[in-house]
Amino acid sequence: MRTRILVASILVALASFGASAQTTADTVQRDVNQQTRIEQGVKSGELTKRETGKLEAGQVRVDHAEAATGSDGRISKNEQARVQR
């Protein structure tokens, strides 16, 4: 499941490539970092299954927001700020 989320995050970020290469690279790296932190929390036992599920569901919401933001091929500063929040 985590691998699918990671792949989906990368694909969403690449789909919005029209905005700028730097923004896309930052977005992909942020998604990868977030997934790594979740996996580390699971391995160390700091996260329960329920907490992990909530975090991954939140990441899916972010991925959907990123996809919707880049759907017109452009990402405005307001859209970018909303996704980052």
Protein backbone atom coordinates (compact mmCIF):
# COMPACT_ATOMS: atom_id res chain seq x y z
CA MET A 1 0.00 0.00 0.00
CA ARG A 2 2.77 2.43 0.90
CA THR A 3 4.52 1.74 -2.38
CA ARG A 4 1.34 2.51 -4.30
CA ILE A 5 0.93 5.78 -2.44
CA LEU A 6 4.53 6.71 -3.13
CA VAL A 7 4.19 5.90 -6.83
CA ALA A 8 0.90 7.81 -7.00
CA SER A 9 2.55 10.81 -5.33
CA ILE A 10 5.36 10.80 -7.84
CA LEU A 11 2.98 10.46 -10.79
CA VAL A 12 0.79 13.30 -9.54
CA ALA A 13 3.81 15.51 -9.09
CA LEU A 14 5.09 14.71 -12.54
CA ALA A 15 1.66 15.36 -14.05
CA SER A 16 1.86 18.93 -12.83
CA PHE A 17 5.28 19.37 -14.44
CA GLY A 18 4.07 22.37 -16.45
CA ALA A 19 4.40 24.67 -13.45
CA SER A 20 8.15 24.38 -13.11
CA ALA A 21 10.81 21.74 -12.75
CA GLN A 22 11.98 23.09 -9.41
CA THR A 23 8.49 23.05 -7.90
CA THR A 24 7.89 19.51 -9.16
CA ALA A 25 11.19 18.29 -7.77
CA ASP A 26 10.41 19.89 -4.41
CA THR A 27 6.95 18.32 -4.36
CA VAL A 28 8.24 14.86 -5.20
CA GLN A 29 10.98 15.12 -2.59
CA ARG A 30 8.52 16.30 0.06
CA ASP A 31 6.23 13.33 -0.72
CA VAL A 32 9.14 10.89 -0.57
CA ASN A 33 10.33 12.38 2.73
CA GLN A 34 6.85 12.14 4.23
CA GLN A 35 6.47 8.51 3.21
CA THR A 36 9.92 7.71 4.62
CA ARG A 37 8.99 9.30 7.96
CA ILE A 38 5.79 7.26 8.12
CA GLU A 39 7.68 4.03 7.36
CA GLN A 40 10.28 4.83 10.02
CA GLY A 41 7.53 5.43 12.57
CA VAL A 42 5.98 2.07 11.75
CA LYS A 43 9.31 0.23 12.00
CA SER A 44 10.25 1.87 15.29
CA GLY A 45 6.82 1.21 16.77
CA GLU A 46 6.10 4.91 17.33
CA LEU A 47 3.05 4.73 15.08
CA THR A 48 0.09 2.43 15.59
CA LYS A 49 -1.80 0.93 12.68
CA ARG A 50 -4.55 3.48 13.22
CA GLU A 51 -2.12 6.43 13.21
CA THR A 52 -0.41 5.06 10.12
CA GLY A 53 -3.75 4.76 8.35
CA LYS A 54 -4.67 8.34 9.21
CA LEU A 55 -1.31 9.67 8.00
CA GLU A 56 -1.51 7.73 4.75
CA ALA A 57 -5.09 8.89 4.19
CA GLY A 58 -3.90 12.45 4.72
CA GLN A 59 -1.16 11.92 2.17
CA VAL A 60 -3.74 10.66 -0.33
CA ARG A 61 -5.75 13.87 0.23
CA VAL A 62 -2.61 15.91 -0.47
CA ASP A 63 -1.98 13.88 -3.64
CA HIS A 64 -5.52 14.58 -4.83
CA ALA A 65 -5.12 18.28 -4.07
CA GLU A 66 -1.86 18.33 -6.04
CA ALA A 67 -3.56 16.59 -8.97
CA ALA A 68 -6.48 19.03 -8.93
CA THR A 69 -4.13 21.98 -8.67
CA GLY A 70 -2.15 20.98 -11.74
CA SER A 71 -5.15 19.88 -13.79
CA ASP A 72 -5.14 23.04 -15.89
CA GLY A 73 -1.40 22.77 -16.52
CA ARG A 74 -0.55 25.74 -14.28
CA ILE A 75 -0.10 26.16 -10.58
CA SER A 76 -0.73 29.59 -9.15
CA LYS A 77 1.01 30.79 -6.02
CA ASN A 78 -2.29 30.51 -4.12
CA GLU A 79 -2.80 26.92 -5.26
CA GLN A 80 0.77 26.04 -4.35
CA ALA A 81 0.36 27.56 -0.88
CA ARG A 82 -2.88 25.63 -0.33
CA VAL A 83 -1.23 22.32 -1.22
CA GLN A 84 1.75 23.03 1.01
CA ARG A 85 -0.53 23.74 3.98
